[in-house]
Amino acid sequence: MIEAITYRFGPHSMSGDDPTKYRTKNEEGEWEQKDPLVRFRAFLKARNLWTDEEETAVIEQAKQTVAEEIRKAEEAEKMTIAGLIDSMYEETPPILEAQKRMYER
């Protein structure tokens, strides 16, 4: 079991969050030194359990997998708002039933 306490390097959202308003470069630099992924990679490499070639192969496989899943998702039937509401609840709350009817027209 690996406990990896990590730091969110990116913003909270893509809607204009600016991390520089609540973070310092010093704080980010400290966390870069503590990054569990970087540290674990170094640990494995130091013990000859991981190589750059293996990492490149894993990255390429991940890219292929993501591209294939994106292709499948793009081919899938698009969900409607009413379908989304139906998929969220076993029994749709009355307020959402009313909203759903607006989209079924």
N, C-alpha and C. Protein backbone atom coordinates (compact mmCIF):
# COMPACT_ATOMS: atom_id res chain seq x y z
N MET A 1 0.85 -1.18 0.00
CA MET A 1 0.00 0.00 0.00
C MET A 1 0.90 1.24 0.00
N ILE A 2 0.54 2.18 -0.83
CA ILE A 2 1.31 3.42 -0.93
C ILE A 2 0.40 4.58 -0.58
N GLU A 3 0.79 5.36 0.41
CA GLU A 3 0.06 6.58 0.73
C GLU A 3 0.79 7.71 0.03
N ALA A 4 0.09 8.39 -0.85
CA ALA A 4 0.72 9.47 -1.60
C ALA A 4 -0.02 10.78 -1.31
N ILE A 5 0.47 11.50 -0.34
CA ILE A 5 -0.11 12.81 -0.03
C ILE A 5 0.48 13.76 -1.06
N THR A 6 -0.38 14.36 -1.82
CA THR A 6 0.10 15.16 -2.93
C THR A 6 -0.48 16.55 -2.92
N TYR A 7 -0.10 17.31 -3.87
CA TYR A 7 -0.42 18.72 -3.96
C TYR A 7 -1.07 18.96 -5.31
N ARG A 8 -2.13 19.71 -5.35
CA ARG A 8 -2.78 20.04 -6.61
C ARG A 8 -2.01 21.19 -7.24
N PHE A 9 -1.24 20.89 -8.28
CA PHE A 9 -0.41 21.92 -8.91
C PHE A 9 -1.23 22.85 -9.79
N GLY A 10 -2.31 22.36 -10.35
CA GLY A 10 -3.11 23.18 -11.26
C GLY A 10 -4.17 23.97 -10.51
N PRO A 11 -4.92 24.77 -11.25
CA PRO A 11 -6.01 25.55 -10.64
C PRO A 11 -7.17 24.65 -10.24
N HIS A 12 -8.09 25.19 -9.44
CA HIS A 12 -9.27 24.44 -9.02
C HIS A 12 -10.15 24.09 -10.21
N SER A 13 -10.23 25.00 -11.16
CA SER A 13 -11.11 24.78 -12.30
C SER A 13 -10.53 25.47 -13.53
N MET A 14 -11.16 25.24 -14.65
CA MET A 14 -10.73 25.88 -15.89
C MET A 14 -11.46 27.19 -16.13
N SER A 15 -12.24 27.62 -15.16
CA SER A 15 -13.08 28.80 -15.35
C SER A 15 -12.46 30.08 -14.81
N GLY A 16 -11.16 30.17 -14.90
CA GLY A 16 -10.52 31.42 -14.53
C GLY A 16 -9.88 31.46 -13.15
N ASP A 17 -9.81 30.31 -12.47
CA ASP A 17 -9.14 30.28 -11.17
C ASP A 17 -7.67 30.62 -11.35
N ASP A 18 -7.15 31.50 -10.52
CA ASP A 18 -5.76 31.92 -10.60
C ASP A 18 -5.04 31.53 -9.32
N PRO A 19 -4.29 30.41 -9.34
CA PRO A 19 -3.62 29.95 -8.12
C PRO A 19 -2.60 30.93 -7.56
N THR A 20 -2.11 31.85 -8.38
CA THR A 20 -1.12 32.80 -7.86
C THR A 20 -1.72 33.75 -6.83
N LYS A 21 -3.05 33.78 -6.76
CA LYS A 21 -3.71 34.63 -5.77
C LYS A 21 -3.66 34.03 -4.37
N TYR A 22 -3.46 32.72 -4.29
CA TYR A 22 -3.45 32.08 -2.96
C TYR A 22 -2.25 31.16 -2.76
N ARG A 23 -1.27 31.18 -3.68
CA ARG A 23 -0.06 30.38 -3.55
C ARG A 23 1.16 31.22 -3.86
N THR A 24 2.26 30.81 -3.30
CA THR A 24 3.53 31.48 -3.62
C THR A 24 4.39 30.52 -4.44
N LYS A 25 5.34 31.07 -5.18
CA LYS A 25 6.29 30.24 -5.94
C LYS A 25 7.09 29.36 -4.98
N ASN A 26 7.39 29.90 -3.79
CA ASN A 26 8.13 29.14 -2.79
C ASN A 26 7.35 27.89 -2.37
N GLU A 27 6.05 28.05 -2.12
CA GLU A 27 5.20 26.92 -1.73
C GLU A 27 5.20 25.86 -2.83
N GLU A 28 5.03 26.29 -4.08
CA GLU A 28 5.01 25.34 -5.19
C GLU A 28 6.36 24.62 -5.32
N GLY A 29 7.44 25.37 -5.12
CA GLY A 29 8.77 24.77 -5.19
C GLY A 29 8.98 23.71 -4.12
N GLU A 30 8.48 23.99 -2.91
CA GLU A 30 8.58 23.01 -1.83
C GLU A 30 7.84 21.74 -2.19
N TRP A 31 6.66 21.87 -2.76
CA TRP A 31 5.85 20.70 -3.11
C TRP A 31 6.43 19.95 -4.30
N GLU A 32 7.10 20.65 -5.20
CA GLU A 32 7.75 19.94 -6.30
C GLU A 32 8.80 18.96 -5.76
N GLN A 33 9.47 19.35 -4.68
CA GLN A 33 10.47 18.48 -4.07
C GLN A 33 9.83 17.28 -3.37
N LYS A 34 8.57 17.42 -2.96
CA LYS A 34 7.88 16.36 -2.23
C LYS A 34 6.99 15.49 -3.12
N ASP A 35 6.87 15.82 -4.40
CA ASP A 35 5.94 15.13 -5.29
C ASP A 35 6.14 13.62 -5.20
N PRO A 36 5.11 12.87 -4.78
CA PRO A 36 5.27 11.42 -4.59
C PRO A 36 5.56 10.66 -5.88
N LEU A 37 5.06 11.13 -7.00
CA LEU A 37 5.33 10.42 -8.25
C LEU A 37 6.79 10.55 -8.66
N VAL A 38 7.31 11.75 -8.53
CA VAL A 38 8.72 11.98 -8.88
C VAL A 38 9.61 11.21 -7.91
N ARG A 39 9.28 11.27 -6.65
CA ARG A 39 10.09 10.59 -5.65
C ARG A 39 10.05 9.07 -5.82
N PHE A 40 8.87 8.53 -6.15
CA PHE A 40 8.76 7.08 -6.32
C PHE A 40 9.51 6.64 -7.58
N ARG A 41 9.45 7.45 -8.64
CA ARG A 41 10.21 7.13 -9.85
C ARG A 41 11.70 7.05 -9.51
N ALA A 42 12.20 8.03 -8.76
CA ALA A 42 13.61 8.04 -8.39
C ALA A 42 13.96 6.82 -7.53
N PHE A 43 13.06 6.46 -6.63
CA PHE A 43 13.26 5.27 -5.78
C PHE A 43 13.39 4.02 -6.63
N LEU A 44 12.47 3.84 -7.59
CA LEU A 44 12.50 2.66 -8.45
C LEU A 44 13.74 2.64 -9.33
N LYS A 45 14.10 3.79 -9.90
CA LYS A 45 15.28 3.86 -10.76
C LYS A 45 16.55 3.53 -9.97
N ALA A 46 16.64 4.03 -8.76
CA ALA A 46 17.83 3.79 -7.94
C ALA A 46 18.02 2.30 -7.64
N ARG A 47 16.93 1.56 -7.69
CA ARG A 47 16.98 0.11 -7.42
C ARG A 47 16.89 -0.72 -8.71
N ASN A 48 17.08 -0.04 -9.84
CA ASN A 48 17.01 -0.68 -11.16
C ASN A 48 15.70 -1.43 -11.38
N LEU A 49 14.61 -0.85 -10.87
CA LEU A 49 13.29 -1.44 -11.05
C LEU A 49 12.45 -0.68 -12.07
N TRP A 50 12.99 0.38 -12.64
CA TRP A 50 12.27 1.22 -13.59
C TRP A 50 13.28 1.90 -14.49
N THR A 51 12.95 1.96 -15.79
CA THR A 51 13.86 2.60 -16.74
C THR A 51 13.12 3.67 -17.53
N ASP A 52 13.89 4.54 -18.17
CA ASP A 52 13.29 5.55 -19.04
C ASP A 52 12.53 4.89 -20.18
N GLU A 53 13.05 3.78 -20.69
CA GLU A 53 12.39 3.08 -21.78
C GLU A 53 11.03 2.55 -21.34
N GLU A 54 10.97 1.98 -20.13
CA GLU A 54 9.69 1.49 -19.62
C GLU A 54 8.71 2.64 -19.44
N GLU A 55 9.21 3.75 -18.95
CA GLU A 55 8.34 4.91 -18.75
C GLU A 55 7.79 5.41 -20.08
N THR A 56 8.66 5.48 -21.08
CA THR A 56 8.22 5.92 -22.41
C THR A 56 7.16 4.97 -22.95
N ALA A 57 7.36 3.66 -22.79
CA ALA A 57 6.39 2.67 -23.27
C ALA A 57 5.05 2.82 -22.55
N VAL A 58 5.09 3.03 -21.24
CA VAL A 58 3.85 3.19 -20.46
C VAL A 58 3.12 4.46 -20.90
N ILE A 59 3.85 5.53 -21.09
CA ILE A 59 3.24 6.80 -21.53
C ILE A 59 2.59 6.63 -22.90
N GLU A 60 3.28 5.98 -23.82
CA GLU A 60 2.72 5.78 -25.16
C GLU A 60 1.48 4.89 -25.11
N GLN A 61 1.51 3.85 -24.30
CA GLN A 61 0.34 2.98 -24.16
C GLN A 61 -0.83 3.75 -23.56
N ALA A 62 -0.55 4.59 -22.58
CA ALA A 62 -1.61 5.40 -21.97
C ALA A 62 -2.21 6.35 -22.99
N LYS A 63 -1.37 6.97 -23.81
CA LYS A 63 -1.86 7.88 -24.85
C LYS A 63 -2.77 7.14 -25.83
N GLN A 64 -2.36 5.94 -26.22
CA GLN A 64 -3.17 5.14 -27.14
C GLN A 64 -4.50 4.75 -26.50
N THR A 65 -4.47 4.37 -25.24
CA THR A 65 -5.69 3.98 -24.54
C THR A 65 -6.64 5.17 -24.44
N VAL A 66 -6.11 6.33 -24.07
CA VAL A 66 -6.94 7.53 -23.96
C VAL A 66 -7.54 7.89 -25.31
N ALA A 67 -6.73 7.85 -26.36
CA ALA A 67 -7.22 8.19 -27.70
C ALA A 67 -8.33 7.23 -28.12
N GLU A 68 -8.16 5.95 -27.84
CA GLU A 68 -9.19 4.95 -28.19
C GLU A 68 -10.47 5.19 -27.40
N GLU A 69 -10.36 5.50 -26.13
CA GLU A 69 -11.55 5.75 -25.32
C GLU A 69 -12.25 7.03 -25.75
N ILE A 70 -11.49 8.04 -26.13
CA ILE A 70 -12.10 9.28 -26.65
C ILE A 70 -12.86 8.98 -27.93
N ARG A 71 -12.24 8.17 -28.81
CA ARG A 71 -12.91 7.80 -30.05
C ARG A 71 -14.23 7.09 -29.77
N LYS A 72 -14.22 6.15 -28.82
CA LYS A 72 -15.45 5.43 -28.45
C LYS A 72 -16.50 6.40 -27.90
N ALA A 73 -16.06 7.31 -27.04
CA ALA A 73 -17.00 8.26 -26.44
C ALA A 73 -17.61 9.16 -27.51
N GLU A 74 -16.81 9.56 -28.48
CA GLU A 74 -17.32 10.42 -29.54
C GLU A 74 -18.32 9.70 -30.44
N GLU A 75 -18.20 8.38 -30.53
CA GLU A 75 -19.12 7.58 -31.34
C GLU A 75 -20.39 7.22 -30.59
N ALA A 76 -20.36 7.32 -29.28
CA ALA A 76 -21.52 6.94 -28.47
C ALA A 76 -22.67 7.94 -28.69
N GLU A 77 -23.87 7.43 -28.51
CA GLU A 77 -25.04 8.29 -28.63
C GLU A 77 -24.96 9.39 -27.57
N LYS A 78 -25.25 10.60 -27.99
CA LYS A 78 -25.19 11.74 -27.07
C LYS A 78 -26.33 11.65 -26.06
N MET A 79 -26.02 11.93 -24.81
CA MET A 79 -27.02 11.89 -23.76
C MET A 79 -27.83 13.18 -23.78
N THR A 80 -29.10 13.03 -23.57
CA THR A 80 -29.97 14.20 -23.45
C THR A 80 -29.99 14.66 -22.00
N ILE A 81 -30.47 15.85 -21.78
CA ILE A 81 -30.59 16.34 -20.40
C ILE A 81 -31.59 15.48 -19.64
N ALA A 82 -32.69 15.14 -20.28
CA ALA A 82 -33.67 14.27 -19.62
C ALA A 82 -33.05 12.92 -19.29
N GLY A 83 -32.25 12.38 -20.20
CA GLY A 83 -31.58 11.11 -19.95
C GLY A 83 -30.59 11.20 -18.80
N LEU A 84 -29.91 12.32 -18.71
CA LEU A 84 -28.98 12.53 -17.61
C LEU A 84 -29.72 12.53 -16.28
N ILE A 85 -30.81 13.26 -16.21
CA ILE A 85 -31.61 13.30 -14.98
C ILE A 85 -32.09 11.90 -14.63
N ASP A 86 -32.58 11.17 -15.62
CA ASP A 86 -33.06 9.80 -15.36
C ASP A 86 -31.95 8.89 -14.84
N SER A 87 -30.72 9.09 -15.31
CA SER A 87 -29.62 8.22 -14.91
C SER A 87 -29.09 8.52 -13.51
N MET A 88 -29.48 9.65 -12.94
CA MET A 88 -28.92 10.07 -11.66
C MET A 88 -29.66 9.50 -10.45
N TYR A 89 -30.93 9.19 -10.62
CA TYR A 89 -31.74 8.80 -9.47
C TYR A 89 -32.54 7.54 -9.78
N GLU A 90 -32.71 6.72 -8.76
CA GLU A 90 -33.63 5.59 -8.90
C GLU A 90 -35.05 6.12 -9.00
N GLU A 91 -35.36 7.10 -8.15
CA GLU A 91 -36.64 7.81 -8.19
C GLU A 91 -36.33 9.29 -8.33
N THR A 92 -36.72 9.87 -9.44
CA THR A 92 -36.40 11.27 -9.69
C THR A 92 -37.21 12.17 -8.78
N PRO A 93 -36.56 13.10 -8.07
CA PRO A 93 -37.28 14.04 -7.20
C PRO A 93 -38.27 14.88 -8.03
N PRO A 94 -39.39 15.23 -7.44
CA PRO A 94 -40.42 15.98 -8.17
C PRO A 94 -39.90 17.26 -8.84
N ILE A 95 -39.03 17.98 -8.17
CA ILE A 95 -38.55 19.23 -8.77
C ILE A 95 -37.76 18.95 -10.05
N LEU A 96 -37.04 17.84 -10.07
CA LEU A 96 -36.29 17.49 -11.28
C LEU A 96 -37.21 16.92 -12.35
N GLU A 97 -38.27 16.26 -11.94
CA GLU A 97 -39.26 15.77 -12.91
C GLU A 97 -39.82 16.94 -13.71
N ALA A 98 -40.12 18.02 -13.00
CA ALA A 98 -40.67 19.20 -13.67
C ALA A 98 -39.64 19.78 -14.63
N GLN A 99 -38.39 19.86 -14.20
CA GLN A 99 -37.34 20.38 -15.07
C GLN A 99 -37.12 19.45 -16.27
N LYS A 100 -37.16 18.16 -16.02
CA LYS A 100 -36.96 17.18 -17.08
C LYS A 100 -38.04 17.34 -18.17
N ARG A 101 -39.26 17.55 -17.77
CA ARG A 101 -40.35 17.71 -18.74
C ARG A 101 -40.09 18.89 -19.67
N MET A 102 -39.44 19.94 -19.16
CA MET A 102 -39.12 21.11 -19.99
C MET A 102 -38.20 20.69 -21.14
N TYR A 103 -37.29 19.74 -20.89
CA TYR A 103 -36.33 19.33 -21.89
C TYR A 103 -36.87 18.24 -22.82
N GLU A 104 -37.95 17.59 -22.42
CA GLU A 104 -38.51 16.51 -23.24
C GLU A 104 -39.39 17.05 -24.35
N ARG A 105 -39.71 18.33 -24.32
CA ARG A 105 -40.60 18.91 -25.34
C ARG A 105 -39.96 18.95 -26.68
